[in-house]
């Protein structure tokens, strides 16, 4: 089995989906999807993109040959979410400082 097929199979199993469920979502036959997973069929870029979108991952994570990129992408996603959360906190605090400053100015 080739790396791409293996990575796709792992993504499918992680979701708990059968080959039939994934094939239906991709609008292809079960045998066609099975051939993708087993590496019999080479996947074109548009199909790879469709599969990546289905599993909410990047195309790079599917074609990654060493498996490390998947965990790195998950970590990057988590860090981006944390950064966004922190940025929102900073914005709230900045607004609070501005409000306090304006309130102080009114009292003068």
N, C-alpha and C. Protein backbone atom coordinates (compact mmCIF):
# COMPACT_ATOMS: atom_id res chain seq x y z
N UNK A 1 0.85 -1.18 0.00
CA UNK A 1 0.00 0.00 0.00
C UNK A 1 0.89 1.24 0.00
N UNK A 2 0.54 2.22 -0.81
CA UNK A 2 1.36 3.42 -0.86
C UNK A 2 1.03 4.35 0.31
N UNK A 3 1.88 5.32 0.51
CA UNK A 3 1.75 6.24 1.64
C UNK A 3 0.46 7.03 1.60
N UNK A 4 0.10 7.53 0.43
CA UNK A 4 -1.12 8.33 0.31
C UNK A 4 -2.33 7.49 0.70
N UNK A 5 -2.41 6.30 0.16
CA UNK A 5 -3.53 5.42 0.49
C UNK A 5 -3.57 5.09 1.97
N UNK A 6 -2.40 4.83 2.53
CA UNK A 6 -2.32 4.52 3.96
C UNK A 6 -2.78 5.71 4.80
N UNK A 7 -2.35 6.90 4.44
CA UNK A 7 -2.76 8.09 5.18
C UNK A 7 -4.26 8.33 5.07
N UNK A 8 -4.81 8.09 3.90
CA UNK A 8 -6.25 8.25 3.70
C UNK A 8 -7.01 7.23 4.56
N UNK A 9 -6.53 6.01 4.57
CA UNK A 9 -7.16 4.96 5.39
C UNK A 9 -7.14 5.34 6.86
N UNK A 10 -6.00 5.86 7.33
CA UNK A 10 -5.89 6.27 8.73
C UNK A 10 -6.87 7.40 9.05
N UNK A 11 -7.00 8.36 8.14
CA UNK A 11 -7.96 9.45 8.35
C UNK A 11 -9.38 8.91 8.41
N UNK A 12 -9.70 7.99 7.52
CA UNK A 12 -11.04 7.39 7.50
C UNK A 12 -11.32 6.65 8.80
N UNK A 13 -10.36 5.85 9.23
CA UNK A 13 -10.54 5.08 10.45
C UNK A 13 -10.63 5.99 11.68
N UNK A 14 -9.89 7.07 11.67
CA UNK A 14 -9.93 8.03 12.77
C UNK A 14 -11.34 8.62 12.90
N UNK A 15 -12.02 8.81 11.77
CA UNK A 15 -13.39 9.33 11.78
C UNK A 15 -14.41 8.24 12.11
N UNK A 16 -13.97 7.00 12.02
CA UNK A 16 -14.89 5.89 12.27
C UNK A 16 -15.83 5.63 11.09
N UNK A 17 -15.40 6.03 9.89
CA UNK A 17 -16.22 5.87 8.70
C UNK A 17 -15.83 4.60 7.96
N UNK A 18 -16.81 4.00 7.30
CA UNK A 18 -16.53 2.86 6.44
C UNK A 18 -16.08 3.37 5.07
N UNK A 19 -15.54 2.46 4.28
CA UNK A 19 -15.17 2.84 2.91
C UNK A 19 -16.40 3.30 2.14
N UNK A 20 -17.53 2.65 2.40
CA UNK A 20 -18.77 3.01 1.73
C UNK A 20 -19.22 4.43 2.06
N UNK A 21 -19.08 4.80 3.33
CA UNK A 21 -19.47 6.16 3.73
C UNK A 21 -18.61 7.21 3.04
N UNK A 22 -17.30 6.96 3.00
CA UNK A 22 -16.39 7.92 2.37
C UNK A 22 -16.64 7.96 0.86
N UNK A 23 -16.83 6.80 0.26
CA UNK A 23 -17.10 6.75 -1.19
C UNK A 23 -18.36 7.56 -1.52
N UNK A 24 -19.38 7.42 -0.69
CA UNK A 24 -20.62 8.15 -0.92
C UNK A 24 -20.39 9.66 -0.82
N UNK A 25 -19.62 10.08 0.19
CA UNK A 25 -19.33 11.51 0.37
C UNK A 25 -18.50 12.07 -0.79
N UNK A 26 -17.67 11.21 -1.38
CA UNK A 26 -16.84 11.64 -2.50
C UNK A 26 -17.56 11.45 -3.83
N UNK A 27 -18.74 10.82 -3.78
CA UNK A 27 -19.53 10.57 -4.97
C UNK A 27 -18.79 9.65 -5.95
N UNK A 28 -18.15 8.61 -5.38
CA UNK A 28 -17.50 7.59 -6.20
C UNK A 28 -17.94 6.22 -5.69
N UNK A 29 -17.63 5.18 -6.44
CA UNK A 29 -18.01 3.83 -6.01
C UNK A 29 -17.09 3.34 -4.90
N UNK A 30 -17.57 2.36 -4.16
CA UNK A 30 -16.76 1.77 -3.09
C UNK A 30 -15.49 1.14 -3.67
N UNK A 31 -15.59 0.37 -4.76
CA UNK A 31 -14.36 -0.20 -5.32
C UNK A 31 -13.36 0.88 -5.75
N UNK A 32 -13.86 1.99 -6.29
CA UNK A 32 -12.95 3.07 -6.70
C UNK A 32 -12.22 3.64 -5.49
N UNK A 33 -12.96 3.83 -4.39
CA UNK A 33 -12.32 4.35 -3.19
C UNK A 33 -11.35 3.32 -2.60
N UNK A 34 -11.74 2.07 -2.63
CA UNK A 34 -10.87 1.01 -2.13
C UNK A 34 -9.54 0.98 -2.89
N UNK A 35 -9.61 1.20 -4.19
CA UNK A 35 -8.39 1.24 -5.01
C UNK A 35 -7.50 2.43 -4.65
N UNK A 36 -8.12 3.53 -4.25
CA UNK A 36 -7.34 4.69 -3.79
C UNK A 36 -6.61 4.34 -2.51
N UNK A 37 -7.35 3.74 -1.56
CA UNK A 37 -6.75 3.38 -0.27
C UNK A 37 -5.63 2.35 -0.40
N UNK A 38 -5.80 1.43 -1.30
CA UNK A 38 -4.79 0.37 -1.44
C UNK A 38 -3.64 0.77 -2.36
N UNK A 39 -3.76 1.92 -3.00
CA UNK A 39 -2.67 2.40 -3.84
C UNK A 39 -2.72 1.87 -5.25
N UNK A 40 -3.79 1.17 -5.60
CA UNK A 40 -3.91 0.65 -6.96
C UNK A 40 -4.15 1.80 -7.94
N UNK A 41 -4.96 2.77 -7.50
CA UNK A 41 -5.27 3.93 -8.33
C UNK A 41 -4.47 5.12 -7.86
N UNK A 42 -3.79 5.78 -8.78
CA UNK A 42 -3.12 7.04 -8.45
C UNK A 42 -4.17 8.13 -8.35
N UNK A 43 -4.05 8.94 -7.32
CA UNK A 43 -5.05 9.99 -7.07
C UNK A 43 -4.59 11.28 -7.72
N UNK A 44 -5.48 11.93 -8.48
CA UNK A 44 -5.13 13.22 -9.07
C UNK A 44 -5.31 14.32 -8.03
N UNK A 45 -4.82 15.50 -8.34
CA UNK A 45 -4.81 16.60 -7.38
C UNK A 45 -6.21 17.03 -6.98
N UNK A 46 -7.14 17.06 -7.91
CA UNK A 46 -8.50 17.48 -7.56
C UNK A 46 -9.15 16.48 -6.61
N UNK A 47 -8.92 15.20 -6.82
CA UNK A 47 -9.48 14.18 -5.91
C UNK A 47 -8.80 14.29 -4.54
N UNK A 48 -7.49 14.51 -4.55
CA UNK A 48 -6.76 14.68 -3.28
C UNK A 48 -7.31 15.87 -2.50
N UNK A 49 -7.57 16.94 -3.20
CA UNK A 49 -8.13 18.13 -2.57
C UNK A 49 -9.51 17.84 -2.00
N UNK A 50 -10.31 17.10 -2.74
CA UNK A 50 -11.65 16.73 -2.28
C UNK A 50 -11.55 15.87 -1.01
N UNK A 51 -10.62 14.94 -0.98
CA UNK A 51 -10.44 14.07 0.19
C UNK A 51 -9.94 14.90 1.37
N UNK A 52 -9.00 15.79 1.12
CA UNK A 52 -8.48 16.64 2.20
C UNK A 52 -9.59 17.49 2.80
N UNK A 53 -10.44 18.05 1.96
CA UNK A 53 -11.57 18.85 2.46
C UNK A 53 -12.53 18.00 3.28
N UNK A 54 -12.78 16.79 2.82
CA UNK A 54 -13.68 15.89 3.53
C UNK A 54 -13.19 15.62 4.95
N UNK A 55 -11.87 15.41 5.09
CA UNK A 55 -11.31 15.10 6.40
C UNK A 55 -10.78 16.33 7.14
N UNK A 56 -10.96 17.50 6.53
CA UNK A 56 -10.53 18.77 7.14
C UNK A 56 -9.04 18.76 7.47
N UNK A 57 -8.25 18.34 6.50
CA UNK A 57 -6.79 18.33 6.62
C UNK A 57 -6.21 18.95 5.35
N UNK A 58 -4.92 19.20 5.36
CA UNK A 58 -4.28 19.73 4.16
C UNK A 58 -3.89 18.58 3.23
N UNK A 59 -3.73 18.90 1.96
CA UNK A 59 -3.27 17.91 0.99
C UNK A 59 -1.88 17.43 1.39
N UNK A 60 -1.07 18.34 1.92
CA UNK A 60 0.29 17.98 2.35
C UNK A 60 0.25 16.87 3.39
N UNK A 61 -0.69 16.95 4.33
CA UNK A 61 -0.75 15.92 5.37
C UNK A 61 -1.12 14.56 4.79
N UNK A 62 -1.83 14.55 3.69
CA UNK A 62 -2.19 13.28 3.06
C UNK A 62 -1.01 12.69 2.30
N UNK A 63 -0.22 13.53 1.66
CA UNK A 63 0.89 13.00 0.87
C UNK A 63 2.18 12.87 1.67
N UNK A 64 2.17 13.31 2.92
CA UNK A 64 3.35 13.24 3.77
C UNK A 64 3.82 11.79 3.91
N UNK A 65 5.10 11.57 3.68
CA UNK A 65 5.64 10.21 3.70
C UNK A 65 6.12 9.75 5.06
N UNK A 66 6.35 10.67 5.99
CA UNK A 66 6.88 10.23 7.28
C UNK A 66 5.89 10.32 8.43
N UNK A 67 4.68 10.83 8.17
CA UNK A 67 3.66 10.87 9.20
C UNK A 67 3.83 11.96 10.24
N UNK A 68 4.99 12.62 10.24
CA UNK A 68 5.23 13.65 11.25
C UNK A 68 4.42 14.90 10.96
N UNK A 69 4.18 15.15 9.71
CA UNK A 69 3.49 16.38 9.34
C UNK A 69 2.08 16.43 9.89
N UNK A 70 1.41 15.27 10.01
CA UNK A 70 0.05 15.25 10.54
C UNK A 70 0.01 15.81 11.95
N UNK A 71 0.91 15.37 12.80
CA UNK A 71 0.91 15.86 14.17
C UNK A 71 1.34 17.32 14.22
N UNK A 72 2.28 17.71 13.35
CA UNK A 72 2.69 19.11 13.30
C UNK A 72 1.54 20.01 12.88
N UNK A 73 0.76 19.57 11.91
CA UNK A 73 -0.37 20.37 11.46
C UNK A 73 -1.43 20.49 12.55
N UNK A 74 -1.65 19.41 13.29
CA UNK A 74 -2.58 19.48 14.42
C UNK A 74 -2.09 20.47 15.47
N UNK A 75 -0.80 20.42 15.74
CA UNK A 75 -0.22 21.33 16.73
C UNK A 75 -0.32 22.78 16.25
N UNK A 76 -0.05 23.00 14.98
CA UNK A 76 -0.15 24.35 14.42
C UNK A 76 -1.59 24.85 14.51
N UNK A 77 -2.54 23.99 14.20
CA UNK A 77 -3.96 24.37 14.29
C UNK A 77 -4.32 24.75 15.72
N UNK A 78 -3.88 23.95 16.68
CA UNK A 78 -4.16 24.24 18.09
C UNK A 78 -3.52 25.55 18.53
N UNK A 79 -2.29 25.78 18.09
CA UNK A 79 -1.61 27.02 18.45
C UNK A 79 -2.27 28.23 17.82
N UNK A 80 -2.76 28.09 16.59
CA UNK A 80 -3.48 29.20 15.95
C UNK A 80 -4.75 29.53 16.72
N UNK A 81 -5.46 28.50 17.17
CA UNK A 81 -6.67 28.72 17.95
C UNK A 81 -6.35 29.41 19.27
N UNK A 82 -5.27 29.00 19.92
CA UNK A 82 -4.85 29.62 21.17
C UNK A 82 -4.45 31.07 20.94
N UNK A 83 -3.73 31.32 19.86
CA UNK A 83 -3.32 32.68 19.52
C UNK A 83 -4.54 33.57 19.27
N UNK A 84 -5.50 33.06 18.55
CA UNK A 84 -6.73 33.82 18.29
C UNK A 84 -7.44 34.14 19.60
N UNK A 85 -7.50 33.18 20.48
CA UNK A 85 -8.13 33.40 21.79
C UNK A 85 -7.40 34.49 22.57
N UNK A 86 -6.09 34.43 22.58
CA UNK A 86 -5.29 35.43 23.29
C UNK A 86 -5.44 36.81 22.67
N UNK A 87 -5.51 36.87 21.35
CA UNK A 87 -5.70 38.15 20.68
C UNK A 87 -7.03 38.77 21.06
N UNK A 88 -8.06 37.95 21.17
CA UNK A 88 -9.37 38.45 21.59
C UNK A 88 -9.32 38.99 23.02
N UNK A 89 -8.60 38.30 23.88
CA UNK A 89 -8.43 38.77 25.26
C UNK A 89 -7.72 40.12 25.29
N UNK A 90 -6.69 40.26 24.46
CA UNK A 90 -5.93 41.52 24.40
C UNK A 90 -6.84 42.65 23.91
N UNK A 91 -7.65 42.38 22.92
CA UNK A 91 -8.56 43.40 22.40
C UNK A 91 -9.54 43.84 23.49
N UNK A 92 -10.06 42.88 24.24
CA UNK A 92 -10.99 43.21 25.34
C UNK A 92 -10.29 44.08 26.39
N UNK A 93 -9.06 43.71 26.72
CA UNK A 93 -8.31 44.49 27.71
C UNK A 93 -7.99 45.88 27.20
N UNK A 94 -7.65 46.00 25.93
CA UNK A 94 -7.38 47.32 25.36
C UNK A 94 -8.63 48.19 25.40
N UNK A 95 -9.77 47.60 25.11
CA UNK A 95 -11.02 48.34 25.16
C UNK A 95 -11.30 48.79 26.60
N UNK A 96 -11.03 47.94 27.54
CA UNK A 96 -11.24 48.28 28.95
C UNK A 96 -10.34 49.44 29.36
N UNK A 97 -9.09 49.43 28.93
CA UNK A 97 -8.15 50.52 29.24
C UNK A 97 -8.64 51.82 28.63
N UNK A 98 -9.10 51.75 27.40
CA UNK A 98 -9.62 52.95 26.73
C UNK A 98 -10.84 53.49 27.47
N UNK A 99 -11.75 52.60 27.83
CA UNK A 99 -12.94 53.01 28.57
C UNK A 99 -12.58 53.67 29.90
N UNK A 100 -11.61 53.08 30.62
CA UNK A 100 -11.18 53.65 31.89
C UNK A 100 -10.52 55.01 31.68
N UNK A 101 -9.73 55.14 30.63
CA UNK A 101 -9.08 56.41 30.32
C UNK A 101 -10.13 57.48 30.02
N UNK A 102 -11.09 57.12 29.20
CA UNK A 102 -12.15 58.09 28.84
C UNK A 102 -12.97 58.48 30.08
N UNK A 103 -13.24 57.53 30.93
CA UNK A 103 -13.98 57.81 32.16
C UNK A 103 -13.19 58.76 33.05
N UNK A 104 -11.90 58.54 33.14
CA UNK A 104 -11.02 59.40 33.94
C UNK A 104 -10.99 60.82 33.37
N UNK A 105 -10.95 60.92 32.04
CA UNK A 105 -10.91 62.21 31.38
C UNK A 105 -12.19 62.99 31.62
N UNK A 106 -13.31 62.29 31.68
CA UNK A 106 -14.60 62.94 31.93
C UNK A 106 -14.66 63.52 33.35
N UNK A 107 -14.00 62.83 34.28
CA UNK A 107 -14.02 63.26 35.68
C UNK A 107 -13.20 64.51 35.88
N UNK A 108 -12.27 64.79 35.00
CA UNK A 108 -11.39 65.96 35.14
C UNK A 108 -12.08 67.24 34.86
